[in-house]
Amino acid sequence: MDIFLALLGFLFIIIGLIGSFLPILPGPPMSWVGLLLLYLTKAVPNDTWFLVVTLVVALLVFALDYIIPALGTKKFGGSKMGMIGTTVGLLISIFFPIFGAFGIIIWPFIGALVGELINKADSQTAIKAAFGSFLGFLTGTFLKFIVAIVYLGFFIMTFWEYKASIFAF
């Protein structure tokens, strides 16, 4: 059972990393579930303090992911349509990777720009607001990715420390 929980936990860690870039998946909370599953094994001693602190961080980053793009858009004079456009652009970059690795950067900006233009902003205001929305998106994504990477590191260190007990029959 410990091996199953550890493998399932690792799967959740990977899903959390992917979720750092996909707005559909809550990245850091998924990574936290991976840590929780590792700590639910009989081999790894329970560390409630560690799990509570990492949960609070995951939830805080999850909430900030919604607040930061809104603040970026607001600071640069954007609208809700700009934020929606950013998300649509991100989805386009995932399902239609036309510009390769740069698509994940280009499409959200284009989406924000189109969203602002649909919102009837003039082109200069739309570009400025699209930049703010895009900057907020990048900041939130970077923050989620860093937390997911740190949780991956915690997972690997803990797993490595208790690997003999996890694989013991």
N, C-alpha and C. Protein backbone atom coordinates (compact mmCIF):
# COMPACT_ATOMS: atom_id res chain seq x y z
N MET A 1 0.82 -1.20 0.00
CA MET A 1 0.00 0.00 0.00
C MET A 1 0.86 1.26 0.00
N ASP A 2 2.00 1.21 0.70
CA ASP A 2 2.90 2.36 0.74
C ASP A 2 3.43 2.72 -0.64
N ILE A 3 3.76 1.70 -1.41
CA ILE A 3 4.27 1.94 -2.77
C ILE A 3 3.18 2.61 -3.60
N PHE A 4 1.95 2.12 -3.49
CA PHE A 4 0.84 2.70 -4.23
C PHE A 4 0.62 4.17 -3.85
N LEU A 5 0.62 4.45 -2.54
CA LEU A 5 0.43 5.83 -2.08
C LEU A 5 1.57 6.74 -2.55
N ALA A 6 2.80 6.24 -2.51
CA ALA A 6 3.95 7.04 -2.97
C ALA A 6 3.85 7.31 -4.47
N LEU A 7 3.49 6.31 -5.26
CA LEU A 7 3.35 6.51 -6.70
C LEU A 7 2.19 7.45 -7.02
N LEU A 8 1.08 7.28 -6.32
CA LEU A 8 -0.06 8.18 -6.52
C LEU A 8 0.30 9.61 -6.10
N GLY A 9 1.05 9.72 -5.01
CA GLY A 9 1.51 11.03 -4.56
C GLY A 9 2.40 11.70 -5.60
N PHE A 10 3.30 10.91 -6.20
CA PHE A 10 4.18 11.45 -7.24
C PHE A 10 3.37 11.90 -8.45
N LEU A 11 2.34 11.14 -8.78
CA LEU A 11 1.46 11.52 -9.90
C LEU A 11 0.79 12.87 -9.61
N PHE A 12 0.34 13.05 -8.39
CA PHE A 12 -0.27 14.33 -8.02
C PHE A 12 0.74 15.48 -8.06
N ILE A 13 1.97 15.20 -7.69
CA ILE A 13 3.03 16.21 -7.78
C ILE A 13 3.21 16.64 -9.23
N ILE A 14 3.26 15.66 -10.14
CA ILE A 14 3.42 15.97 -11.57
C ILE A 14 2.20 16.74 -12.09
N ILE A 15 1.01 16.32 -11.70
CA ILE A 15 -0.21 17.03 -12.10
C ILE A 15 -0.17 18.47 -11.56
N GLY A 16 0.35 18.65 -10.36
CA GLY A 16 0.50 19.99 -9.79
C GLY A 16 1.46 20.85 -10.60
N LEU A 17 2.55 20.25 -11.06
CA LEU A 17 3.48 21.00 -11.92
C LEU A 17 2.80 21.43 -13.21
N ILE A 18 2.07 20.52 -13.82
CA ILE A 18 1.34 20.83 -15.05
C ILE A 18 0.28 21.89 -14.76
N GLY A 19 -0.37 21.76 -13.61
CA GLY A 19 -1.41 22.70 -13.22
C GLY A 19 -0.88 24.11 -12.96
N SER A 20 0.43 24.24 -12.84
CA SER A 20 1.01 25.57 -12.70
C SER A 20 0.80 26.40 -13.96
N PHE A 21 0.66 25.72 -15.09
CA PHE A 21 0.51 26.40 -16.37
C PHE A 21 -0.92 26.33 -16.92
N LEU A 22 -1.68 25.34 -16.48
CA LEU A 22 -3.05 25.18 -16.97
C LEU A 22 -4.03 25.79 -15.98
N PRO A 23 -4.85 26.72 -16.42
CA PRO A 23 -5.80 27.33 -15.49
C PRO A 23 -6.90 26.37 -15.05
N ILE A 24 -7.01 25.23 -15.70
CA ILE A 24 -8.05 24.26 -15.37
C ILE A 24 -7.71 23.50 -14.09
N LEU A 25 -6.40 23.28 -13.86
CA LEU A 25 -5.95 22.50 -12.71
C LEU A 25 -5.37 23.42 -11.63
N PRO A 26 -5.75 23.21 -10.38
CA PRO A 26 -5.16 24.00 -9.29
C PRO A 26 -3.79 23.43 -8.92
N GLY A 27 -2.74 23.96 -9.51
CA GLY A 27 -1.39 23.41 -9.37
C GLY A 27 -0.90 23.16 -7.96
N PRO A 28 -0.68 24.19 -7.15
CA PRO A 28 -0.15 23.96 -5.81
C PRO A 28 -1.03 23.06 -4.92
N PRO A 29 -2.37 23.20 -4.93
CA PRO A 29 -3.15 22.26 -4.13
C PRO A 29 -3.00 20.81 -4.59
N MET A 30 -2.86 20.60 -5.89
CA MET A 30 -2.65 19.23 -6.40
C MET A 30 -1.30 18.70 -5.92
N SER A 31 -0.27 19.55 -5.95
CA SER A 31 1.04 19.14 -5.46
C SER A 31 0.97 18.83 -3.97
N TRP A 32 0.19 19.62 -3.23
CA TRP A 32 0.06 19.37 -1.80
C TRP A 32 -0.58 18.00 -1.54
N VAL A 33 -1.57 17.64 -2.34
CA VAL A 33 -2.20 16.32 -2.20
C VAL A 33 -1.13 15.24 -2.39
N GLY A 34 -0.20 15.47 -3.32
CA GLY A 34 0.90 14.52 -3.50
C GLY A 34 1.74 14.37 -2.24
N LEU A 35 2.04 15.50 -1.59
CA LEU A 35 2.78 15.43 -0.32
C LEU A 35 1.96 14.70 0.74
N LEU A 36 0.69 15.01 0.82
CA LEU A 36 -0.18 14.37 1.80
C LEU A 36 -0.19 12.85 1.60
N LEU A 37 -0.31 12.41 0.37
CA LEU A 37 -0.33 10.97 0.10
C LEU A 37 0.97 10.31 0.54
N LEU A 38 2.10 10.98 0.33
CA LEU A 38 3.37 10.42 0.79
C LEU A 38 3.39 10.30 2.31
N TYR A 39 2.87 11.31 2.98
CA TYR A 39 2.85 11.30 4.44
C TYR A 39 1.79 10.35 5.01
N LEU A 40 0.87 9.89 4.18
CA LEU A 40 -0.11 8.90 4.64
C LEU A 40 0.44 7.47 4.61
N THR A 41 1.61 7.29 4.04
CA THR A 41 2.22 5.95 4.06
C THR A 41 2.63 5.63 5.49
N LYS A 42 2.71 4.34 5.78
CA LYS A 42 3.15 3.91 7.10
C LYS A 42 4.64 4.17 7.30
N ALA A 43 5.37 4.27 6.19
CA ALA A 43 6.82 4.43 6.26
C ALA A 43 7.25 5.84 6.67
N VAL A 44 6.48 6.84 6.29
CA VAL A 44 6.86 8.23 6.56
C VAL A 44 6.13 8.70 7.81
N PRO A 45 6.88 9.17 8.81
CA PRO A 45 6.24 9.64 10.04
C PRO A 45 5.36 10.88 9.77
N ASN A 46 4.26 10.95 10.47
CA ASN A 46 3.33 12.06 10.30
C ASN A 46 3.97 13.35 10.81
N ASP A 47 3.87 14.40 10.02
CA ASP A 47 4.37 15.72 10.40
C ASP A 47 3.26 16.74 10.15
N THR A 48 2.37 16.84 11.11
CA THR A 48 1.19 17.69 10.97
C THR A 48 1.56 19.15 10.72
N TRP A 49 2.55 19.64 11.43
CA TRP A 49 2.98 21.03 11.27
C TRP A 49 3.40 21.30 9.82
N PHE A 50 4.22 20.42 9.26
CA PHE A 50 4.68 20.56 7.88
C PHE A 50 3.50 20.53 6.91
N LEU A 51 2.58 19.61 7.11
CA LEU A 51 1.43 19.50 6.21
C LEU A 51 0.51 20.72 6.31
N VAL A 52 0.32 21.25 7.50
CA VAL A 52 -0.53 22.43 7.66
C VAL A 52 0.12 23.65 7.00
N VAL A 53 1.41 23.84 7.22
CA VAL A 53 2.10 25.00 6.64
C VAL A 53 2.09 24.91 5.11
N THR A 54 2.38 23.73 4.57
CA THR A 54 2.39 23.59 3.11
C THR A 54 0.98 23.73 2.53
N LEU A 55 -0.04 23.31 3.27
CA LEU A 55 -1.42 23.51 2.81
C LEU A 55 -1.77 24.99 2.77
N VAL A 56 -1.40 25.72 3.81
CA VAL A 56 -1.69 27.15 3.86
C VAL A 56 -0.99 27.86 2.69
N VAL A 57 0.26 27.50 2.43
CA VAL A 57 0.99 28.11 1.31
C VAL A 57 0.30 27.78 -0.02
N ALA A 58 -0.10 26.52 -0.20
CA ALA A 58 -0.76 26.11 -1.44
C ALA A 58 -2.07 26.88 -1.64
N LEU A 59 -2.85 27.02 -0.60
CA LEU A 59 -4.12 27.75 -0.70
C LEU A 59 -3.91 29.24 -0.91
N LEU A 60 -2.90 29.79 -0.27
CA LEU A 60 -2.58 31.21 -0.44
C LEU A 60 -2.17 31.49 -1.89
N VAL A 61 -1.30 30.67 -2.44
CA VAL A 61 -0.86 30.84 -3.82
C VAL A 61 -2.03 30.63 -4.78
N PHE A 62 -2.89 29.67 -4.46
CA PHE A 62 -4.08 29.42 -5.29
C PHE A 62 -4.97 30.67 -5.32
N ALA A 63 -5.17 31.30 -4.18
CA ALA A 63 -5.98 32.52 -4.12
C ALA A 63 -5.29 33.68 -4.82
N LEU A 64 -3.98 33.81 -4.61
CA LEU A 64 -3.24 34.89 -5.25
C LEU A 64 -3.25 34.78 -6.77
N ASP A 65 -3.38 33.56 -7.27
CA ASP A 65 -3.41 33.35 -8.72
C ASP A 65 -4.62 34.04 -9.35
N TYR A 66 -5.66 34.24 -8.58
CA TYR A 66 -6.84 34.95 -9.08
C TYR A 66 -6.72 36.46 -8.83
N ILE A 67 -6.01 36.83 -7.79
CA ILE A 67 -5.91 38.24 -7.41
C ILE A 67 -4.84 38.97 -8.24
N ILE A 68 -3.69 38.36 -8.45
CA ILE A 68 -2.57 39.02 -9.12
C ILE A 68 -2.92 39.47 -10.54
N PRO A 69 -3.50 38.59 -11.40
CA PRO A 69 -3.85 39.09 -12.74
C PRO A 69 -4.86 40.24 -12.71
N ALA A 70 -5.79 40.17 -11.78
CA ALA A 70 -6.77 41.25 -11.67
C ALA A 70 -6.09 42.56 -11.27
N LEU A 71 -5.13 42.47 -10.36
CA LEU A 71 -4.40 43.67 -9.95
C LEU A 71 -3.56 44.22 -11.11
N GLY A 72 -2.92 43.31 -11.86
CA GLY A 72 -2.13 43.75 -13.01
C GLY A 72 -2.99 44.42 -14.05
N THR A 73 -4.14 43.82 -14.31
CA THR A 73 -5.06 44.40 -15.30
C THR A 73 -5.57 45.76 -14.82
N LYS A 74 -5.95 45.83 -13.56
CA LYS A 74 -6.49 47.08 -13.01
C LYS A 74 -5.42 48.18 -13.01
N LYS A 75 -4.21 47.82 -12.62
CA LYS A 75 -3.12 48.80 -12.57
C LYS A 75 -2.83 49.39 -13.95
N PHE A 76 -2.98 48.58 -14.98
CA PHE A 76 -2.68 49.05 -16.34
C PHE A 76 -3.95 49.47 -17.09
N GLY A 77 -5.07 49.60 -16.38
CA GLY A 77 -6.29 50.13 -16.98
C GLY A 77 -7.10 49.14 -17.77
N GLY A 78 -6.98 47.87 -17.46
CA GLY A 78 -7.70 46.84 -18.22
C GLY A 78 -9.05 46.51 -17.65
N SER A 79 -9.71 45.57 -18.32
CA SER A 79 -11.06 45.16 -17.93
C SER A 79 -11.10 43.65 -17.71
N LYS A 80 -12.26 43.19 -17.32
CA LYS A 80 -12.47 41.76 -17.13
C LYS A 80 -12.33 41.02 -18.47
N MET A 81 -12.69 41.66 -19.55
CA MET A 81 -12.55 41.05 -20.87
C MET A 81 -11.08 40.77 -21.19
N GLY A 82 -10.19 41.63 -20.72
CA GLY A 82 -8.76 41.40 -20.91
C GLY A 82 -8.29 40.17 -20.17
N MET A 83 -8.80 39.98 -18.94
CA MET A 83 -8.43 38.79 -18.17
C MET A 83 -8.99 37.53 -18.81
N ILE A 84 -10.22 37.60 -19.28
CA ILE A 84 -10.83 36.45 -19.96
C ILE A 84 -10.04 36.14 -21.23
N GLY A 85 -9.67 37.18 -21.96
CA GLY A 85 -8.87 36.99 -23.17
C GLY A 85 -7.54 36.32 -22.89
N THR A 86 -6.91 36.68 -21.77
CA THR A 86 -5.65 36.06 -21.39
C THR A 86 -5.83 34.56 -21.19
N THR A 87 -6.89 34.18 -20.50
CA THR A 87 -7.16 32.76 -20.26
C THR A 87 -7.47 32.02 -21.56
N VAL A 88 -8.27 32.64 -22.41
CA VAL A 88 -8.57 32.02 -23.71
C VAL A 88 -7.29 31.86 -24.52
N GLY A 89 -6.44 32.88 -24.50
CA GLY A 89 -5.17 32.79 -25.21
C GLY A 89 -4.30 31.67 -24.68
N LEU A 90 -4.30 31.48 -23.37
CA LEU A 90 -3.53 30.38 -22.78
C LEU A 90 -4.07 29.04 -23.26
N LEU A 91 -5.38 28.89 -23.27
CA LEU A 91 -5.97 27.64 -23.74
C LEU A 91 -5.65 27.38 -25.20
N ILE A 92 -5.66 28.42 -26.01
CA ILE A 92 -5.29 28.27 -27.42
C ILE A 92 -3.84 27.80 -27.53
N SER A 93 -2.96 28.36 -26.70
CA SER A 93 -1.55 27.97 -26.76
C SER A 93 -1.34 26.51 -26.38
N ILE A 94 -2.22 25.99 -25.54
CA ILE A 94 -2.08 24.60 -25.11
C ILE A 94 -2.61 23.65 -26.17
N PHE A 95 -3.77 23.95 -26.72
CA PHE A 95 -4.41 23.03 -27.67
C PHE A 95 -3.96 23.25 -29.11
N PHE A 96 -3.44 24.42 -29.44
CA PHE A 96 -2.96 24.73 -30.79
C PHE A 96 -1.59 25.39 -30.69
N PRO A 97 -0.55 24.61 -30.41
CA PRO A 97 0.78 25.19 -30.19
C PRO A 97 1.44 25.67 -31.49
N ILE A 98 0.88 26.72 -32.07
CA ILE A 98 1.34 27.22 -33.37
C ILE A 98 2.73 27.85 -33.27
N PHE A 99 3.01 28.61 -32.25
CA PHE A 99 4.29 29.29 -32.13
C PHE A 99 5.29 28.49 -31.29
N GLY A 100 5.05 27.21 -31.13
CA GLY A 100 5.96 26.37 -30.35
C GLY A 100 6.00 26.77 -28.89
N ALA A 101 7.20 26.76 -28.32
CA ALA A 101 7.36 27.08 -26.90
C ALA A 101 6.99 28.53 -26.60
N PHE A 102 7.10 29.41 -27.58
CA PHE A 102 6.76 30.82 -27.36
C PHE A 102 5.26 31.05 -27.36
N GLY A 103 4.48 30.06 -27.81
CA GLY A 103 3.03 30.20 -27.85
C GLY A 103 2.42 30.47 -26.50
N ILE A 104 3.01 29.88 -25.45
CA ILE A 104 2.47 30.07 -24.10
C ILE A 104 2.68 31.50 -23.63
N ILE A 105 3.57 32.23 -24.29
CA ILE A 105 3.79 33.64 -23.97
C ILE A 105 2.99 34.54 -24.92
N ILE A 106 2.99 34.19 -26.19
CA ILE A 106 2.36 35.04 -27.21
C ILE A 106 0.84 35.01 -27.13
N TRP A 107 0.25 33.81 -27.05
CA TRP A 107 -1.22 33.70 -27.10
C TRP A 107 -1.93 34.39 -25.95
N PRO A 108 -1.47 34.27 -24.70
CA PRO A 108 -2.17 35.01 -23.64
C PRO A 108 -2.15 36.53 -23.86
N PHE A 109 -1.04 37.04 -24.38
CA PHE A 109 -0.98 38.47 -24.67
C PHE A 109 -1.97 38.84 -25.78
N ILE A 110 -1.99 38.04 -26.85
CA ILE A 110 -2.93 38.29 -27.95
C ILE A 110 -4.37 38.20 -27.44
N GLY A 111 -4.63 37.20 -26.59
CA GLY A 111 -5.98 37.05 -26.02
C GLY A 111 -6.39 38.25 -25.20
N ALA A 112 -5.46 38.77 -24.39
CA ALA A 112 -5.77 39.95 -23.58
C ALA A 112 -6.02 41.16 -24.48
N LEU A 113 -5.21 41.29 -25.51
CA LEU A 113 -5.38 42.41 -26.45
C LEU A 113 -6.73 42.35 -27.14
N VAL A 114 -7.09 41.16 -27.64
CA VAL A 114 -8.39 41.00 -28.30
C VAL A 114 -9.53 41.26 -27.32
N GLY A 115 -9.39 40.76 -26.09
CA GLY A 115 -10.41 41.00 -25.07
C GLY A 115 -10.61 42.47 -24.81
N GLU A 116 -9.52 43.22 -24.74
CA GLU A 116 -9.63 44.66 -24.51
C GLU A 116 -10.23 45.37 -25.72
N LEU A 117 -9.87 44.94 -26.92
CA LEU A 117 -10.44 45.56 -28.11
C LEU A 117 -11.93 45.26 -28.22
N ILE A 118 -12.35 44.06 -27.83
CA ILE A 118 -13.78 43.71 -27.80
C ILE A 118 -14.50 44.59 -26.79
N ASN A 119 -13.78 44.93 -25.72
CA ASN A 119 -14.35 45.78 -24.67
C ASN A 119 -14.41 47.25 -25.12
N LYS A 120 -14.09 47.50 -26.35
CA LYS A 120 -14.18 48.82 -26.96
C LYS A 120 -13.10 49.80 -26.50
N ALA A 121 -11.96 49.28 -26.09
CA ALA A 121 -10.86 50.16 -25.72
C ALA A 121 -10.13 50.59 -27.00
N ASP A 122 -9.55 51.80 -26.98
CA ASP A 122 -8.74 52.19 -28.13
C ASP A 122 -7.47 51.34 -28.14
N SER A 123 -6.77 51.31 -29.26
CA SER A 123 -5.66 50.37 -29.41
C SER A 123 -4.54 50.62 -28.40
N GLN A 124 -4.23 51.87 -28.09
CA GLN A 124 -3.16 52.14 -27.13
C GLN A 124 -3.55 51.68 -25.72
N THR A 125 -4.77 51.96 -25.32
CA THR A 125 -5.26 51.51 -24.01
C THR A 125 -5.33 49.99 -23.98
N ALA A 126 -5.76 49.38 -25.08
CA ALA A 126 -5.87 47.92 -25.15
C ALA A 126 -4.51 47.26 -25.01
N ILE A 127 -3.49 47.82 -25.66
CA ILE A 127 -2.14 47.25 -25.56
C ILE A 127 -1.62 47.37 -24.13
N LYS A 128 -1.82 48.53 -23.54
CA LYS A 128 -1.37 48.74 -22.15
C LYS A 128 -2.08 47.79 -21.19
N ALA A 129 -3.40 47.66 -21.32
CA ALA A 129 -4.17 46.77 -20.45
C ALA A 129 -3.81 45.31 -20.70
N ALA A 130 -3.61 44.96 -21.96
CA ALA A 130 -3.22 43.59 -22.30
C ALA A 130 -1.88 43.26 -21.68
N PHE A 131 -0.96 44.22 -21.69
CA PHE A 131 0.34 44.01 -21.05
C PHE A 131 0.17 43.79 -19.55
N GLY A 132 -0.67 44.57 -18.90
CA GLY A 132 -0.92 44.40 -17.47
C GLY A 132 -1.54 43.06 -17.14
N SER A 133 -2.52 42.66 -17.93
CA SER A 133 -3.16 41.37 -17.71
C SER A 133 -2.16 40.23 -17.93
N PHE A 134 -1.38 40.36 -18.97
CA PHE A 134 -0.38 39.36 -19.29
C PHE A 134 0.70 39.28 -18.21
N LEU A 135 1.14 40.44 -17.73
CA LEU A 135 2.15 40.48 -16.67
C LEU A 135 1.61 39.82 -15.39
N GLY A 136 0.35 40.09 -15.07
CA GLY A 136 -0.27 39.45 -13.91
C GLY A 136 -0.36 37.94 -14.09
N PHE A 137 -0.71 37.50 -15.30
CA PHE A 137 -0.77 36.07 -15.59
C PHE A 137 0.59 35.42 -15.41
N LEU A 138 1.64 36.05 -15.95
CA LEU A 138 2.98 35.49 -15.83
C LEU A 138 3.44 35.42 -14.38
N THR A 139 3.12 36.45 -13.61
CA THR A 139 3.50 36.48 -12.20
C THR A 139 2.82 35.34 -11.43
N GLY A 140 1.51 35.19 -11.65
CA GLY A 140 0.79 34.10 -10.99
C GLY A 140 1.29 32.74 -11.40
N THR A 141 1.56 32.55 -12.66
CA THR A 141 2.07 31.27 -13.16
C THR A 141 3.44 30.97 -12.58
N PHE A 142 4.31 31.97 -12.54
CA PHE A 142 5.64 31.79 -11.98
C PHE A 142 5.56 31.41 -10.51
N LEU A 143 4.70 32.07 -9.77
CA LEU A 143 4.54 31.78 -8.35
C LEU A 143 4.04 30.35 -8.14
N LYS A 144 3.04 29.93 -8.92
CA LYS A 144 2.53 28.56 -8.81
C LYS A 144 3.61 27.55 -9.15
N PHE A 145 4.38 27.83 -10.19
CA PHE A 145 5.43 26.91 -10.62
C PHE A 145 6.51 26.76 -9.56
N ILE A 146 6.91 27.87 -8.94
CA ILE A 146 7.93 27.81 -7.90
C ILE A 146 7.44 26.95 -6.73
N VAL A 147 6.20 27.16 -6.30
CA VAL A 147 5.66 26.37 -5.19
C VAL A 147 5.60 24.89 -5.57
N ALA A 148 5.16 24.59 -6.79
CA ALA A 148 5.09 23.19 -7.24
C ALA A 148 6.48 22.56 -7.29
N ILE A 149 7.49 23.31 -7.71
CA ILE A 149 8.86 22.79 -7.75
C ILE A 149 9.38 22.54 -6.33
N VAL A 150 9.09 23.46 -5.42
CA VAL A 150 9.51 23.27 -4.02
C VAL A 150 8.84 22.03 -3.45
N TYR A 151 7.56 21.83 -3.73
CA TYR A 151 6.86 20.64 -3.23
C TYR A 151 7.42 19.37 -3.86
N LEU A 152 7.82 19.44 -5.11
CA LEU A 152 8.50 18.30 -5.74
C LEU A 152 9.80 17.99 -5.00
N GLY A 153 10.54 19.03 -4.66
CA GLY A 153 11.78 18.84 -3.90
C GLY A 153 11.51 18.21 -2.54
N PHE A 154 10.50 18.70 -1.83
CA PHE A 154 10.12 18.09 -0.54
C PHE A 154 9.76 16.62 -0.72
N PHE A 155 8.99 16.34 -1.76
CA PHE A 155 8.56 14.97 -2.02
C PHE A 155 9.77 14.07 -2.26
N ILE A 156 10.67 14.50 -3.12
CA ILE A 156 11.84 13.68 -3.46
C ILE A 156 12.72 13.47 -2.24
N MET A 157 12.97 14.53 -1.46
CA MET A 157 13.81 14.39 -0.27
C MET A 157 13.19 13.43 0.74
N THR A 158 11.90 13.57 0.98
CA THR A 158 11.23 12.70 1.95
C THR A 158 11.18 11.26 1.44
N PHE A 159 10.84 11.11 0.17
CA PHE A 159 10.79 9.77 -0.41
C PHE A 159 12.16 9.11 -0.32
N TRP A 160 13.21 9.85 -0.66
CA TRP A 160 14.56 9.29 -0.65
C TRP A 160 14.96 8.88 0.77
N GLU A 161 14.58 9.68 1.74
CA GLU A 161 14.93 9.39 3.13
C GLU A 161 14.26 8.10 3.62
N TYR A 162 13.03 7.85 3.17
CA TYR A 162 12.27 6.70 3.66
C TYR A 162 12.06 5.62 2.61
N LYS A 163 12.84 5.63 1.53
CA LYS A 163 12.63 4.68 0.43
C LYS A 163 12.75 3.23 0.88
N ALA A 164 13.67 2.94 1.77
CA ALA A 164 13.84 1.56 2.23
C ALA A 164 12.58 1.08 2.97
N SER A 165 11.98 1.95 3.76
CA SER A 165 10.77 1.59 4.50
C SER A 165 9.56 1.50 3.58
N ILE A 166 9.52 2.36 2.54
CA ILE A 166 8.39 2.34 1.61
C ILE A 166 8.38 1.05 0.83
N PHE A 167 9.56 0.58 0.41
CA PHE A 167 9.65 -0.63 -0.41
C PHE A 167 9.80 -1.90 0.42
N ALA A 168 9.78 -1.81 1.75
CA ALA A 168 9.88 -3.00 2.61
C ALA A 168 8.57 -3.78 2.58
N PHE A 169 8.69 -5.06 2.55
CA PHE A 169 7.48 -5.92 2.52
C PHE A 169 7.27 -6.58 3.83
